Amino acid sequence: MRKRITHTTTKRRERTVDEAIQILWKVIDEAKMYLEDEMTNSEEKRRWAKNLCDTIGVLNKLLASRGEKALEDEDLGSLLLKVPQKLRFDVFRGVRKWRRTHFSVA
């Protein structure tokens, strides 16, 4: 005879937009930390640079959906100064690609 297992789950607390923005800034700070770390190898830095680019894109989209002004290019530039120069091109290319797909005029 099989026993029936019932799962009791707790209700997930819904996060607010402000909490999501705080989490995204923490991810951005962590990515910058890994990019500046001398012990991080080039492959890991490439992954963190992509993570930084993707996170900035998500943050921009969240700010725009909330009706706030998205990060300006100067803000992005100051964040990307932390990215090593050889990886910077990949990040800029990712940002441009994201902008083309999300802000293209139909």
N, C-alpha and C. Protein backbone atom coordinates (compact mmCIF):
# COMPACT_ATOMS: atom_id res chain seq x y z
N MET A 1 0.83 -1.16 0.00
CA MET A 1 0.00 0.00 0.00
C MET A 1 0.89 1.25 0.00
N ARG A 2 0.60 2.19 -0.86
CA ARG A 2 1.38 3.41 -0.96
C ARG A 2 0.86 4.45 0.02
N LYS A 3 1.81 5.14 0.59
CA LYS A 3 1.43 6.25 1.45
C LYS A 3 1.40 7.52 0.61
N ARG A 4 0.47 8.29 0.86
CA ARG A 4 0.37 9.55 0.14
C ARG A 4 1.08 10.63 0.94
N ILE A 5 1.99 11.27 0.26
CA ILE A 5 2.75 12.32 0.92
C ILE A 5 2.16 13.65 0.51
N THR A 6 1.83 14.42 1.47
CA THR A 6 1.32 15.75 1.18
C THR A 6 2.38 16.76 1.57
N HIS A 7 2.54 17.71 0.73
CA HIS A 7 3.52 18.75 0.99
C HIS A 7 2.81 19.96 1.57
N THR A 8 3.33 20.40 2.65
CA THR A 8 2.80 21.64 3.20
C THR A 8 3.77 22.74 2.81
N THR A 9 3.26 23.68 2.12
CA THR A 9 4.11 24.79 1.69
C THR A 9 3.69 26.04 2.42
N THR A 10 4.66 26.84 2.67
CA THR A 10 4.35 28.13 3.27
C THR A 10 4.12 29.13 2.15
N LYS A 11 3.32 30.08 2.44
CA LYS A 11 3.05 31.09 1.43
C LYS A 11 4.31 31.92 1.22
N ARG A 12 4.61 32.15 -0.05
CA ARG A 12 5.75 32.99 -0.38
C ARG A 12 5.35 34.44 -0.19
N ARG A 13 6.25 35.16 0.40
CA ARG A 13 6.01 36.58 0.58
C ARG A 13 6.32 37.28 -0.74
N GLU A 14 5.38 38.04 -1.21
CA GLU A 14 5.58 38.78 -2.45
C GLU A 14 6.55 39.92 -2.20
N ARG A 15 7.50 40.06 -3.08
CA ARG A 15 8.47 41.13 -2.96
C ARG A 15 7.93 42.40 -3.63
N THR A 16 8.32 43.51 -3.07
CA THR A 16 7.92 44.78 -3.65
C THR A 16 8.94 45.18 -4.72
N VAL A 17 8.59 46.18 -5.48
CA VAL A 17 9.49 46.66 -6.53
C VAL A 17 10.74 47.25 -5.89
N ASP A 18 10.56 47.93 -4.76
CA ASP A 18 11.73 48.50 -4.08
C ASP A 18 12.71 47.42 -3.63
N GLU A 19 12.18 46.30 -3.13
CA GLU A 19 13.05 45.20 -2.73
C GLU A 19 13.77 44.60 -3.94
N ALA A 20 13.07 44.50 -5.06
CA ALA A 20 13.69 43.98 -6.27
C ALA A 20 14.82 44.89 -6.74
N ILE A 21 14.61 46.20 -6.66
CA ILE A 21 15.65 47.15 -7.05
C ILE A 21 16.85 47.02 -6.14
N GLN A 22 16.61 46.86 -4.84
CA GLN A 22 17.72 46.68 -3.89
C GLN A 22 18.51 45.41 -4.20
N ILE A 23 17.81 44.34 -4.54
CA ILE A 23 18.48 43.09 -4.87
C ILE A 23 19.32 43.26 -6.13
N LEU A 24 18.78 43.94 -7.13
CA LEU A 24 19.53 44.16 -8.36
C LEU A 24 20.78 44.99 -8.11
N TRP A 25 20.70 46.00 -7.25
CA TRP A 25 21.89 46.79 -6.93
C TRP A 25 22.93 45.94 -6.20
N LYS A 26 22.47 45.01 -5.36
CA LYS A 26 23.41 44.11 -4.67
C LYS A 26 24.12 43.22 -5.69
N VAL A 27 23.39 42.74 -6.69
CA VAL A 27 24.00 41.91 -7.73
C VAL A 27 25.01 42.74 -8.53
N ILE A 28 24.67 43.99 -8.83
CA ILE A 28 25.59 44.87 -9.55
C ILE A 28 26.86 45.09 -8.74
N ASP A 29 26.70 45.34 -7.45
CA ASP A 29 27.87 45.54 -6.58
C ASP A 29 28.74 44.28 -6.51
N GLU A 30 28.09 43.12 -6.43
CA GLU A 30 28.84 41.87 -6.38
C GLU A 30 29.59 41.63 -7.69
N ALA A 31 28.95 41.91 -8.81
CA ALA A 31 29.61 41.74 -10.11
C ALA A 31 30.82 42.66 -10.21
N LYS A 32 30.67 43.91 -9.77
CA LYS A 32 31.80 44.84 -9.79
C LYS A 32 32.94 44.33 -8.92
N MET A 33 32.60 43.76 -7.76
CA MET A 33 33.62 43.23 -6.86
C MET A 33 34.41 42.11 -7.54
N TYR A 34 33.71 41.19 -8.21
CA TYR A 34 34.41 40.09 -8.88
C TYR A 34 35.23 40.57 -10.07
N LEU A 35 34.75 41.60 -10.76
CA LEU A 35 35.50 42.13 -11.89
C LEU A 35 36.79 42.81 -11.44
N GLU A 36 36.79 43.40 -10.25
CA GLU A 36 37.96 44.07 -9.73
C GLU A 36 38.94 43.10 -9.06
N ASP A 37 38.46 41.91 -8.70
CA ASP A 37 39.29 40.94 -7.98
C ASP A 37 40.38 40.39 -8.89
N GLU A 38 41.61 40.47 -8.42
CA GLU A 38 42.74 39.97 -9.21
C GLU A 38 42.79 38.45 -9.26
N MET A 39 42.14 37.79 -8.33
CA MET A 39 42.15 36.32 -8.28
C MET A 39 41.14 35.71 -9.26
N THR A 40 40.25 36.51 -9.79
CA THR A 40 39.25 36.01 -10.74
C THR A 40 39.90 35.87 -12.11
N ASN A 41 39.75 34.68 -12.70
CA ASN A 41 40.37 34.46 -14.02
C ASN A 41 39.54 35.13 -15.12
N SER A 42 40.08 35.15 -16.33
CA SER A 42 39.44 35.90 -17.42
C SER A 42 38.07 35.31 -17.81
N GLU A 43 37.91 34.01 -17.75
CA GLU A 43 36.63 33.40 -18.08
C GLU A 43 35.55 33.81 -17.07
N GLU A 44 35.91 33.80 -15.79
CA GLU A 44 34.96 34.22 -14.76
C GLU A 44 34.63 35.70 -14.90
N LYS A 45 35.65 36.51 -15.24
CA LYS A 45 35.40 37.93 -15.43
C LYS A 45 34.48 38.16 -16.62
N ARG A 46 34.61 37.37 -17.66
CA ARG A 46 33.71 37.49 -18.80
C ARG A 46 32.28 37.19 -18.38
N ARG A 47 32.11 36.14 -17.56
CA ARG A 47 30.77 35.80 -17.09
C ARG A 47 30.19 36.89 -16.19
N TRP A 48 31.03 37.45 -15.32
CA TRP A 48 30.55 38.51 -14.44
C TRP A 48 30.24 39.77 -15.23
N ALA A 49 31.00 40.04 -16.28
CA ALA A 49 30.72 41.20 -17.13
C ALA A 49 29.37 41.03 -17.82
N LYS A 50 29.08 39.82 -18.30
CA LYS A 50 27.78 39.55 -18.91
C LYS A 50 26.67 39.68 -17.87
N ASN A 51 26.93 39.16 -16.67
CA ASN A 51 25.96 39.27 -15.59
C ASN A 51 25.68 40.73 -15.28
N LEU A 52 26.75 41.54 -15.25
CA LEU A 52 26.60 42.97 -14.98
C LEU A 52 25.73 43.62 -16.06
N CYS A 53 26.01 43.29 -17.31
CA CYS A 53 25.25 43.85 -18.43
C CYS A 53 23.78 43.44 -18.35
N ASP A 54 23.53 42.18 -18.10
CA ASP A 54 22.15 41.69 -18.02
C ASP A 54 21.41 42.32 -16.84
N THR A 55 22.09 42.45 -15.71
CA THR A 55 21.46 43.01 -14.52
C THR A 55 21.12 44.48 -14.73
N ILE A 56 22.02 45.22 -15.38
CA ILE A 56 21.75 46.62 -15.67
C ILE A 56 20.54 46.72 -16.60
N GLY A 57 20.44 45.81 -17.56
CA GLY A 57 19.28 45.81 -18.46
C GLY A 57 17.99 45.55 -17.71
N VAL A 58 18.01 44.60 -16.78
CA VAL A 58 16.82 44.29 -15.99
C VAL A 58 16.45 45.48 -15.11
N LEU A 59 17.46 46.09 -14.50
CA LEU A 59 17.21 47.25 -13.65
C LEU A 59 16.61 48.39 -14.46
N ASN A 60 17.14 48.64 -15.66
CA ASN A 60 16.58 49.68 -16.52
C ASN A 60 15.12 49.39 -16.86
N LYS A 61 14.85 48.15 -17.19
CA LYS A 61 13.47 47.78 -17.56
C LYS A 61 12.53 47.93 -16.36
N LEU A 62 13.00 47.54 -15.19
CA LEU A 62 12.18 47.67 -13.98
C LEU A 62 11.92 49.13 -13.65
N LEU A 63 12.96 49.96 -13.76
CA LEU A 63 12.78 51.39 -13.50
C LEU A 63 11.84 52.03 -14.51
N ALA A 64 11.95 51.62 -15.77
CA ALA A 64 11.07 52.16 -16.81
C ALA A 64 9.62 51.73 -16.58
N SER A 65 9.41 50.49 -16.17
CA SER A 65 8.05 50.02 -15.93
C SER A 65 7.42 50.71 -14.73
N ARG A 66 8.26 51.16 -13.85
CA ARG A 66 7.79 51.86 -12.66
C ARG A 66 7.56 53.35 -12.94
N GLY A 67 7.95 53.78 -14.11
CA GLY A 67 7.75 55.17 -14.48
C GLY A 67 8.91 56.07 -14.09
N GLU A 68 10.00 55.48 -13.62
CA GLU A 68 11.16 56.26 -13.23
C GLU A 68 12.12 56.36 -14.40
N LYS A 69 13.03 57.29 -14.27
CA LYS A 69 14.04 57.47 -15.31
C LYS A 69 15.05 56.33 -15.22
N ALA A 70 15.31 55.70 -16.34
CA ALA A 70 16.28 54.59 -16.38
C ALA A 70 17.68 55.15 -16.21
N LEU A 71 18.62 54.26 -15.96
CA LEU A 71 20.00 54.68 -15.82
C LEU A 71 20.46 55.37 -17.10
N GLU A 72 21.14 56.46 -16.95
CA GLU A 72 21.65 57.19 -18.11
C GLU A 72 22.97 56.57 -18.54
N ASP A 73 23.40 56.94 -19.72
CA ASP A 73 24.66 56.42 -20.25
C ASP A 73 25.83 56.77 -19.34
N GLU A 74 25.79 57.96 -18.70
CA GLU A 74 26.88 58.32 -17.81
C GLU A 74 26.94 57.36 -16.62
N ASP A 75 25.76 56.99 -16.10
CA ASP A 75 25.72 56.05 -14.98
C ASP A 75 26.26 54.70 -15.41
N LEU A 76 25.85 54.26 -16.61
CA LEU A 76 26.33 52.98 -17.12
C LEU A 76 27.84 53.03 -17.32
N GLY A 77 28.31 54.16 -17.83
CA GLY A 77 29.74 54.30 -18.06
C GLY A 77 30.54 54.23 -16.77
N SER A 78 30.04 54.85 -15.72
CA SER A 78 30.76 54.80 -14.45
C SER A 78 30.78 53.38 -13.89
N LEU A 79 29.69 52.63 -14.12
CA LEU A 79 29.68 51.23 -13.68
C LEU A 79 30.64 50.39 -14.52
N LEU A 80 30.66 50.66 -15.82
CA LEU A 80 31.47 49.84 -16.71
C LEU A 80 32.95 50.17 -16.65
N LEU A 81 33.32 51.27 -16.00
CA LEU A 81 34.74 51.56 -15.82
C LEU A 81 35.42 50.49 -14.96
N LYS A 82 34.62 49.78 -14.19
CA LYS A 82 35.16 48.71 -13.34
C LYS A 82 35.47 47.45 -14.15
N VAL A 83 34.93 47.37 -15.35
CA VAL A 83 35.14 46.20 -16.20
C VAL A 83 36.49 46.33 -16.90
N PRO A 84 37.31 45.28 -16.88
CA PRO A 84 38.59 45.36 -17.60
C PRO A 84 38.36 45.70 -19.07
N GLN A 85 39.30 46.44 -19.64
CA GLN A 85 39.13 46.99 -20.98
C GLN A 85 38.85 45.92 -22.03
N LYS A 86 39.52 44.78 -21.94
CA LYS A 86 39.31 43.76 -22.97
C LYS A 86 37.91 43.13 -22.89
N LEU A 87 37.26 43.21 -21.73
CA LEU A 87 35.91 42.67 -21.59
C LEU A 87 34.85 43.74 -21.81
N ARG A 88 35.27 45.00 -21.78
CA ARG A 88 34.33 46.10 -21.90
C ARG A 88 33.56 46.06 -23.22
N PHE A 89 34.24 45.68 -24.30
CA PHE A 89 33.60 45.61 -25.61
C PHE A 89 32.42 44.64 -25.58
N ASP A 90 32.60 43.48 -24.93
CA ASP A 90 31.51 42.50 -24.85
C ASP A 90 30.31 43.07 -24.11
N VAL A 91 30.59 43.82 -23.05
CA VAL A 91 29.50 44.40 -22.27
C VAL A 91 28.76 45.45 -23.09
N PHE A 92 29.51 46.34 -23.75
CA PHE A 92 28.87 47.36 -24.58
C PHE A 92 28.05 46.73 -25.70
N ARG A 93 28.58 45.68 -26.30
CA ARG A 93 27.86 45.00 -27.37
C ARG A 93 26.55 44.41 -26.83
N GLY A 94 26.61 43.82 -25.62
CA GLY A 94 25.40 43.28 -25.01
C GLY A 94 24.37 44.35 -24.70
N VAL A 95 24.82 45.51 -24.23
CA VAL A 95 23.90 46.61 -23.95
C VAL A 95 23.25 47.09 -25.23
N ARG A 96 24.05 47.25 -26.29
CA ARG A 96 23.50 47.70 -27.56
C ARG A 96 22.48 46.70 -28.10
N LYS A 97 22.80 45.42 -27.98
CA LYS A 97 21.89 44.39 -28.46
C LYS A 97 20.59 44.42 -27.65
N TRP A 98 20.70 44.59 -26.34
CA TRP A 98 19.51 44.64 -25.49
C TRP A 98 18.66 45.84 -25.86
N ARG A 99 19.30 46.99 -26.10
CA ARG A 99 18.55 48.18 -26.47
C ARG A 99 17.83 48.00 -27.80
N ARG A 100 18.50 47.37 -28.77
CA ARG A 100 17.86 47.15 -30.07
C ARG A 100 16.64 46.26 -29.94
N THR A 101 16.72 45.23 -29.11
CA THR A 101 15.60 44.30 -29.00
C THR A 101 14.47 44.84 -28.13
N HIS A 102 14.78 45.73 -27.18
CA HIS A 102 13.76 46.21 -26.26
C HIS A 102 13.22 47.61 -26.58
N PHE A 103 14.00 48.38 -27.32
CA PHE A 103 13.57 49.75 -27.61
C PHE A 103 13.46 50.02 -29.10
N SER A 104 13.36 48.98 -29.89
CA SER A 104 13.27 49.19 -31.34
C SER A 104 11.90 49.76 -31.69
N VAL A 105 11.90 50.61 -32.69
CA VAL A 105 10.64 51.22 -33.14
C VAL A 105 10.03 50.30 -34.17
N ALA A 106 8.81 49.91 -33.94
CA ALA A 106 8.14 48.97 -34.85
C ALA A 106 7.44 49.68 -35.97
